[in-house]
Protein backbone atom coordinates (compact mmCIF):
# COMPACT_ATOMS: atom_id res chain seq x y z
CA MET A 1 38.02 96.92 -17.79
CA ASP A 2 36.27 95.77 -14.71
CA GLU A 3 37.90 97.28 -11.60
CA ALA A 4 37.58 94.08 -9.58
CA ALA A 5 39.13 91.80 -12.18
CA GLU A 6 41.71 91.61 -14.94
CA TYR A 7 42.18 89.41 -17.93
CA ILE A 8 45.23 87.23 -18.54
CA GLU A 9 45.85 85.51 -21.85
CA VAL A 10 46.86 81.82 -21.69
CA HIS A 11 47.58 80.10 -25.00
CA GLY A 12 45.42 82.51 -26.90
CA ILE A 13 42.51 82.37 -24.45
CA ARG A 14 41.62 85.41 -22.38
CA LEU A 15 40.70 84.47 -18.84
CA LYS A 16 39.31 86.84 -16.21
CA PHE A 17 40.78 86.75 -12.69
CA PRO A 18 39.78 88.70 -9.59
CA HIS A 19 42.44 91.17 -8.48
CA LYS A 20 42.89 89.33 -5.16
CA HIS A 21 43.98 86.18 -7.12
CA LEU A 22 45.91 87.94 -9.85
CA ASP A 23 49.42 87.32 -8.59
CA ARG A 24 48.65 83.69 -8.07
CA ALA A 25 47.07 83.39 -11.53
CA ARG A 26 50.14 84.94 -13.15
CA GLU A 27 52.38 82.54 -11.25
CA ALA A 28 50.18 79.63 -12.45
CA VAL A 29 50.32 80.82 -16.02
CA GLN A 30 54.10 81.14 -15.84
CA LEU A 31 54.31 77.54 -14.50
CA LEU A 32 52.03 76.26 -17.21
CA GLU A 33 54.01 78.06 -19.94
CA GLU A 34 57.32 76.74 -18.58
CA ARG A 35 56.04 73.17 -18.41
CA TYR A 36 54.45 73.50 -21.86
CA ALA A 37 57.79 74.80 -23.40
CA LYS A 38 59.76 71.90 -21.89
CA ARG A 39 57.16 69.35 -23.00
CA ALA A 40 56.94 70.88 -26.47
CA GLU A 41 60.71 70.54 -26.92
CA ARG A 42 60.38 66.81 -26.30
CA SER A 43 57.02 66.34 -28.04
CA GLY A 44 58.12 64.95 -31.33
CA GLY A 45 55.43 66.81 -33.15
CA MET A 46 52.50 66.28 -30.72
CA SER A 47 49.62 68.71 -31.06
CA GLU A 48 49.17 71.64 -28.65
CA LYS A 49 46.08 69.84 -27.20
CA VAL A 50 48.07 66.69 -26.45
CA ILE A 51 50.94 68.63 -24.98
CA LEU A 52 48.60 70.71 -22.78
CA THR A 53 46.85 67.54 -21.67
CA THR A 54 50.08 65.88 -20.64
CA VAL A 55 51.21 69.01 -18.81
CA ALA A 56 47.78 69.13 -17.00
CA LEU A 57 48.04 65.47 -16.01
CA GLY A 58 51.60 65.99 -14.73
CA LEU A 59 50.49 68.96 -12.61
CA ALA A 60 47.48 67.01 -11.32
CA GLU A 61 49.81 64.13 -10.29
CA GLU A 62 51.97 66.64 -8.41
CA VAL A 63 48.86 67.96 -6.62
CA LEU A 64 47.85 64.47 -5.68
CA GLN A 65 51.35 63.70 -4.34
CA LEU A 66 51.35 66.90 -2.28
CA LYS A 67 47.87 66.08 -0.97
CA ASP A 68 49.19 62.65 0.23
CA GLU A 69 52.22 64.41 1.85
CA ILE A 70 49.97 66.89 3.62
CA GLU A 71 47.70 64.11 4.85
CA SER A 72 50.77 62.19 6.16
CA ILE A 73 52.06 65.36 7.88
CA ASN A 74 48.60 65.96 9.47
CA ARG A 75 48.53 62.40 10.81
CA SER A 76 52.02 62.82 12.24
CA ILE A 77 50.92 66.10 13.90
CA GLN A 78 47.76 64.53 15.26
CA SER A 79 49.77 61.64 16.65
CA SER A 80 52.21 64.09 18.27
CA ILE A 81 49.35 66.03 19.79
CA GLU A 82 47.81 62.83 21.24
CA LYS A 83 51.20 61.90 22.78
CA ILE A 84 51.55 65.35 24.35
CA GLU A 85 48.03 65.15 25.71
CA LYS A 86 48.69 61.77 27.24
CA PHE A 87 51.96 63.05 28.73
CA GLU A 88 50.09 66.07 30.17
CA GLN A 89 47.47 63.80 31.75
CA ILE A 90 50.19 61.67 33.33
CA GLU A 91 51.91 64.77 34.66
CA GLN A 92 48.65 66.07 36.13
CA HIS A 93 48.02 62.78 37.92
CA SER A 94 51.58 62.64 39.35
């Protein structure tokens, strides 16, 4: 086995991950397997491919929502910084 990487099996597929990302990869695999199991219970006989696709789309939607939230937080922080800078300018001229 390569010293700089390790393989993790995901739904029968062996994937190679660098050691520095191994914990995160295992966490991601666990999340995927949990979502897959929940979706499979409610699948009504859907194929593995369809279940995995719906899980992937659900995770992608969550990523997009989090991206929007981060952008909103960044805008709020930037607005606060601008207000602080304006206040500091007023204080300096007083």
